[in-house]
Amino acid sequence: PQTAGLVGLVYHAQTGEPLPGARVSVRVGPNQWRGPILTNEEGRFRFEQLPAGSLQVSVDAPGFAPRALRVETLPDEVSEVAIPLKPAQKKGGKIRVEGLEVTIADEAVFLVEATGQQLTLAEYRDYSRLEVLKRAPTLRDLRAIWLDTDRRRAFLGELARSSVHPQVLAEVMGRLEADAFDLLAHLAFGAPIRTRSERAEAFLNREQDFLRRHTQEARWVILELLDKYRVGGVDQLEPEVFSLSPFREKGGAVKLSRAFGDLKAMGRSLREMRERIYAEETA
């Protein structure tokens, strides 16, 4: 029975001020998370009906370095924890990727090799928006590209050759947890930025029927893929990932595909999983 509770305070490590709007998640099992929920105006959060034991709590807030820690919960008791977050370090130096050099001091300066321009963050965001719109005039177009592996890779390759790199923007904007699709959708269409964890949680909450359609072993595969997506994004939902742990130890794609019927059926489930993670109504 899940009878434990957890309450906590998230605060600024240097000033002691509470941090409202921090995101808090609790890992309650190998593929199960509660949250993220947001801290209230006093920096506080509360979880109920948790299992007893050693649970992982993950916390992040804009402008602060994320944290993960272990918390012990007890049956029929409410545990309490205080979590200090340190401000994210302002990184000096440079970021260099294909066609782009970013100098980070008080304000990031982007040197775009494709045009020879030096741009501020605001100017580079506008430049990136126009480059996305050239290739995906609508949000629906962007989603269709994103769900097709070959089109997505070609699209990202074209953006890179035009000096547009979502991962660099995510770092400079302090949004490393953002899904790259949502970052581009935000730049081009003003869509809200969603994190990979938020999309994964929405999938779990919304797609129980999809999960129940599969065998227990196939559900294990889907949930492990979902955990990999939380960390690495959409590229973790491709067949190549079955050569990695923990799938490699289970026999890889060929053996695991039997839980779905065969390799083609597993491929179809993988494509459907991508479509459901990026469901149009929540894109």
Protein backbone atom coordinates (compact mmCIF):
# COMPACT_ATOMS: atom_id res chain seq x y z
CA PRO A 1 0.00 0.00 0.00
CA GLN A 2 1.17 3.51 -0.80
CA THR A 3 0.53 5.32 2.46
CA ALA A 4 3.62 7.54 2.78
CA GLY A 5 3.64 11.29 2.26
CA LEU A 6 6.31 13.84 1.46
CA VAL A 7 6.30 17.59 2.00
CA GLY A 8 9.14 19.92 1.28
CA LEU A 9 10.57 23.37 0.76
CA VAL A 10 12.69 24.44 -2.22
CA TYR A 11 14.82 27.50 -1.52
CA HIS A 12 17.69 29.63 -2.86
CA ALA A 13 20.91 28.11 -1.49
CA GLN A 14 22.62 31.50 -1.11
CA THR A 15 19.83 33.76 0.13
CA GLY A 16 17.49 31.30 1.82
CA GLU A 17 14.53 32.75 -0.09
CA PRO A 18 11.83 30.22 -1.06
CA LEU A 19 11.55 29.39 -4.77
CA PRO A 20 7.98 29.39 -6.09
CA GLY A 21 7.37 27.64 -9.41
CA ALA A 22 10.17 25.07 -9.03
CA ARG A 23 9.37 21.70 -10.65
CA VAL A 24 9.45 18.67 -8.35
CA SER A 25 9.15 15.00 -9.41
CA VAL A 26 9.38 11.79 -7.36
CA ARG A 27 10.49 8.50 -8.87
CA VAL A 28 8.37 5.79 -7.26
CA GLY A 29 9.46 2.81 -9.36
CA PRO A 30 11.73 1.72 -12.23
CA ASN A 31 9.52 3.40 -14.82
CA GLN A 32 7.16 5.42 -12.65
CA TRP A 33 7.24 9.10 -11.71
CA ARG A 34 4.89 11.37 -9.81
CA GLY A 35 4.87 14.96 -11.04
CA PRO A 36 6.31 17.26 -11.98
CA ILE A 37 4.34 19.57 -9.71
CA LEU A 38 5.18 23.22 -9.06
CA THR A 39 6.08 24.66 -5.67
CA ASN A 40 3.58 27.20 -4.33
CA GLU A 41 4.22 30.86 -3.53
CA GLU A 42 6.03 29.82 -0.36
CA GLY A 43 8.30 27.38 -2.22
CA ARG A 44 6.50 24.37 -0.77
CA PHE A 45 5.25 21.13 -2.32
CA ARG A 46 3.35 18.04 -1.17
CA PHE A 47 3.01 14.46 -2.43
CA GLU A 48 0.59 11.92 -0.98
CA GLN A 49 0.06 8.17 -1.43
CA LEU A 50 3.73 7.40 -2.04
CA PRO A 51 5.38 4.02 -1.44
CA ALA A 52 7.58 3.68 1.62
CA GLY A 53 11.30 3.40 1.01
CA SER A 54 14.17 5.26 -0.64
CA LEU A 55 12.75 7.50 -3.39
CA GLN A 56 14.52 9.78 -5.86
CA VAL A 57 13.36 13.40 -5.84
CA SER A 58 14.29 15.59 -8.83
CA VAL A 59 14.01 19.39 -8.65
CA ASP A 60 14.71 22.12 -11.19
CA ALA A 61 13.89 25.80 -11.58
CA PRO A 62 14.73 28.36 -14.28
CA GLY A 63 18.12 29.92 -13.58
CA PHE A 64 19.15 27.25 -11.07
CA ALA A 65 21.20 24.08 -11.33
CA PRO A 66 18.91 21.00 -11.17
CA ARG A 67 19.21 18.53 -8.29
CA ALA A 68 18.40 14.89 -7.67
CA LEU A 69 18.46 13.42 -4.16
CA ARG A 70 17.27 10.38 -2.22
CA VAL A 71 14.56 10.74 0.40
CA GLU A 72 13.40 8.06 2.85
CA THR A 73 9.63 7.72 3.30
CA LEU A 74 7.83 5.69 5.98
CA PRO A 75 4.44 3.94 5.97
CA ASP A 76 1.59 6.09 7.31
CA GLU A 77 3.95 9.01 7.95
CA VAL A 78 4.68 12.31 6.21
CA SER A 79 8.39 12.91 5.67
CA GLU A 80 9.77 16.42 5.29
CA VAL A 81 12.70 17.65 3.23
CA ALA A 82 14.32 21.02 2.52
CA ILE A 83 16.04 21.32 -0.86
CA PRO A 84 18.46 24.18 -1.60
CA LEU A 85 19.10 25.03 -5.26
CA LYS A 86 22.24 26.84 -6.34
CA PRO A 87 22.05 29.47 -9.10
CA ALA A 88 23.26 28.11 -12.44
CA GLN A 89 26.81 29.13 -13.13
CA LYS A 90 27.18 31.82 -15.76
CA LYS A 91 29.50 30.07 -18.13
CA GLY A 92 32.29 32.02 -19.65
CA GLY A 93 34.16 31.05 -22.75
CA LYS A 94 32.77 29.79 -26.02
CA ILE A 95 30.49 27.18 -27.50
CA ARG A 96 31.54 25.97 -30.95
CA VAL A 97 29.37 23.79 -33.17
CA GLU A 98 28.94 23.49 -36.94
CA GLY A 99 28.62 26.96 -38.44
CA LEU A 100 28.17 28.73 -35.10
CA GLU A 101 30.36 30.19 -32.37
CA VAL A 102 28.80 31.53 -29.18
CA THR A 103 30.75 33.77 -26.82
CA ILE A 104 29.19 33.80 -23.35
CA ALA A 105 29.96 36.66 -20.99
CA ASP A 106 27.35 39.01 -19.53
CA GLU A 107 25.34 38.46 -22.71
CA ALA A 108 25.68 35.71 -25.29
CA VAL A 109 26.96 36.78 -28.71
CA PHE A 110 26.33 34.44 -31.64
CA LEU A 111 28.70 34.47 -34.63
CA VAL A 112 26.74 32.94 -37.52
CA GLU A 113 29.18 31.62 -40.10
CA ALA A 114 26.46 31.22 -42.73
CA THR A 115 25.99 35.01 -42.85
CA GLY A 116 29.05 36.39 -41.03
CA GLN A 117 26.73 38.22 -38.61
CA GLN A 118 27.26 38.77 -34.89
CA LEU A 119 23.88 38.48 -33.18
CA THR A 120 22.53 38.95 -29.66
CA LEU A 121 20.38 36.18 -28.18
CA ALA A 122 17.20 38.00 -29.22
CA GLU A 123 18.52 38.47 -32.76
CA TYR A 124 19.68 34.86 -32.99
CA ARG A 125 16.27 33.64 -31.80
CA ASP A 126 14.62 35.69 -34.54
CA TYR A 127 17.10 34.39 -37.12
CA SER A 128 16.39 30.82 -35.96
CA ARG A 129 12.64 31.41 -36.14
CA LEU A 130 12.87 32.46 -39.78
CA GLU A 131 15.05 29.46 -40.65
CA VAL A 132 12.50 27.09 -39.07
CA LEU A 133 9.59 28.79 -40.86
CA LYS A 134 11.33 28.41 -44.24
CA ARG A 135 11.12 24.64 -43.79
CA ALA A 136 8.02 24.25 -41.61
CA PRO A 137 5.49 27.04 -42.23
CA THR A 138 3.00 25.70 -39.65
CA LEU A 139 3.12 23.84 -36.35
CA ARG A 140 1.42 20.90 -38.06
CA ASP A 141 4.19 20.84 -40.68
CA LEU A 142 6.82 20.85 -37.94
CA ARG A 143 5.13 17.94 -36.16
CA ALA A 144 4.89 15.92 -39.39
CA ILE A 145 8.61 16.45 -40.01
CA TRP A 146 9.45 15.56 -36.41
CA LEU A 147 7.59 12.25 -36.47
CA ASP A 148 9.32 11.06 -39.65
CA THR A 149 12.86 9.93 -38.82
CA ASP A 150 14.41 10.68 -42.22
CA ARG A 151 12.66 14.04 -42.59
CA ARG A 152 13.57 15.07 -39.03
CA ARG A 153 17.24 14.26 -39.49
CA ALA A 154 17.34 16.06 -42.83
CA PHE A 155 15.54 19.06 -41.29
CA LEU A 156 17.96 19.27 -38.36
CA GLY A 157 20.88 18.88 -40.76
CA GLU A 158 19.63 21.80 -42.85
CA LEU A 159 19.19 23.92 -39.72
CA ALA A 160 22.73 23.05 -38.60
CA ARG A 161 24.13 24.10 -41.99
CA SER A 162 22.28 27.39 -41.49
CA SER A 163 23.92 27.73 -38.03
CA VAL A 164 20.73 26.90 -36.10
CA HIS A 165 21.31 24.47 -33.22
CA PRO A 166 18.45 23.77 -30.78
CA GLN A 167 20.82 22.30 -28.18
CA VAL A 168 22.88 25.51 -28.10
CA LEU A 169 19.75 27.62 -27.67
CA ALA A 170 18.60 25.31 -24.88
CA GLU A 171 21.92 25.77 -23.07
CA VAL A 172 22.05 29.55 -23.46
CA MET A 173 18.37 29.92 -22.47
CA GLY A 174 18.82 27.66 -19.43
CA ARG A 175 16.28 25.17 -20.81
CA LEU A 176 18.35 22.00 -21.14
CA GLU A 177 15.36 19.86 -20.12
CA ALA A 178 13.21 21.25 -22.94
CA ASP A 179 12.24 18.92 -25.75
CA ALA A 180 13.93 20.12 -28.95
CA PHE A 181 10.59 19.99 -30.78
CA ASP A 182 9.00 22.28 -28.20
CA LEU A 183 11.95 24.65 -28.26
CA LEU A 184 11.64 25.03 -32.04
CA ALA A 185 7.83 25.27 -31.82
CA HIS A 186 8.23 28.00 -29.21
CA LEU A 187 10.67 29.97 -31.36
CA ALA A 188 8.64 29.66 -34.56
CA PHE A 189 5.04 29.65 -33.36
CA GLY A 190 5.04 30.85 -29.74
CA ALA A 191 4.03 27.43 -28.42
CA PRO A 192 4.73 26.78 -24.72
CA ILE A 193 8.07 25.13 -23.97
CA ARG A 194 7.55 21.64 -22.54
CA THR A 195 10.20 19.47 -20.98
CA ARG A 196 10.80 15.87 -21.96
CA SER A 197 9.67 14.83 -18.46
CA GLU A 198 6.38 16.68 -18.92
CA ARG A 199 5.75 14.94 -22.24
CA ALA A 200 6.64 11.57 -20.71
CA GLU A 201 4.26 12.15 -17.79
CA ALA A 202 1.47 13.21 -20.16
CA PHE A 203 2.02 10.03 -22.17
CA LEU A 204 1.76 7.86 -19.04
CA ASN A 205 -1.38 9.63 -17.86
CA ARG A 206 -3.09 9.67 -21.26
CA GLU A 207 -2.04 6.41 -22.91
CA GLN A 208 -2.98 3.64 -20.49
CA ASP A 209 -5.15 2.02 -23.17
CA PHE A 210 -2.17 1.97 -25.54
CA LEU A 211 -0.05 0.31 -22.86
CA ARG A 212 -2.73 -2.26 -21.99
CA ARG A 213 -2.89 -3.34 -25.64
CA HIS A 214 0.61 -4.77 -25.29
CA THR A 215 1.98 -7.76 -23.42
CA GLN A 216 3.78 -7.29 -20.11
CA GLU A 217 7.20 -7.64 -21.76
CA ALA A 218 6.26 -5.21 -24.54
CA ARG A 219 5.07 -2.72 -21.90
CA TRP A 220 8.47 -3.05 -20.22
CA VAL A 221 10.14 -2.14 -23.52
CA ILE A 222 7.85 0.87 -24.02
CA LEU A 223 8.41 2.17 -20.49
CA GLU A 224 12.19 1.75 -20.74
CA LEU A 225 12.10 3.65 -24.03
CA LEU A 226 10.09 6.37 -22.30
CA ASP A 227 12.77 6.70 -19.62
CA LYS A 228 15.43 6.96 -22.33
CA TYR A 229 13.35 9.64 -24.07
CA ARG A 230 13.21 11.63 -20.81
CA VAL A 231 17.00 11.85 -20.87
CA GLY A 232 17.90 11.93 -24.55
CA GLY A 233 14.83 13.01 -26.51
CA VAL A 234 13.22 11.65 -29.65
CA ASP A 235 16.40 9.99 -30.98
CA GLN A 236 16.01 7.45 -28.17
CA LEU A 237 12.80 6.22 -29.84
CA GLU A 238 14.61 4.78 -32.86
CA PRO A 239 15.51 1.12 -33.58
CA GLU A 240 19.23 1.78 -33.01
CA VAL A 241 18.59 2.11 -29.27
CA PHE A 242 17.98 -1.65 -28.97
CA SER A 243 21.74 -2.23 -29.26
CA LEU A 244 22.18 -0.39 -25.94
CA SER A 245 21.58 -1.34 -22.30
CA PRO A 246 19.15 -2.53 -20.94
CA PHE A 247 17.82 -3.88 -24.25
CA ARG A 248 21.14 -5.46 -25.25
CA GLU A 249 21.11 -7.65 -22.14
CA LYS A 250 17.58 -8.82 -23.02
CA GLY A 251 18.62 -10.05 -26.45
CA GLY A 252 18.30 -6.87 -28.49
CA ALA A 253 15.70 -6.00 -31.10
CA VAL A 254 15.23 -9.49 -32.56
CA LYS A 255 14.44 -11.21 -29.25
CA LEU A 256 12.44 -8.33 -27.78
CA SER A 257 10.35 -8.02 -30.96
CA ARG A 258 8.69 -11.36 -30.13
CA ALA A 259 6.77 -9.60 -27.34
CA PHE A 260 5.17 -7.43 -30.05
CA GLY A 261 4.73 -10.25 -32.57
CA ASP A 262 7.66 -9.55 -34.88
CA LEU A 263 10.09 -6.80 -35.89
CA LYS A 264 7.55 -5.04 -38.13
CA ALA A 265 4.97 -4.97 -35.33
CA MET A 266 7.55 -3.57 -32.91
CA GLY A 267 8.43 -0.88 -35.45
CA ARG A 268 4.76 0.05 -35.75
CA SER A 269 4.44 0.31 -31.96
CA LEU A 270 7.55 2.49 -31.86
CA ARG A 271 6.11 4.86 -34.48
CA GLU A 272 2.78 4.96 -32.65
CA MET A 273 4.58 5.72 -29.39
CA ARG A 274 6.29 8.72 -31.03
CA GLU A 275 2.96 9.94 -32.39
CA ARG A 276 1.35 9.65 -28.97
CA ILE A 277 4.20 11.42 -27.16
CA TYR A 278 3.80 14.27 -29.67
CA ALA A 279 -0.01 14.08 -29.76
CA GLU A 280 -1.27 16.96 -31.88
CA GLU A 281 -3.59 18.40 -29.25
CA THR A 282 -0.63 18.82 -26.88
CA ALA A 283 2.05 19.66 -29.43
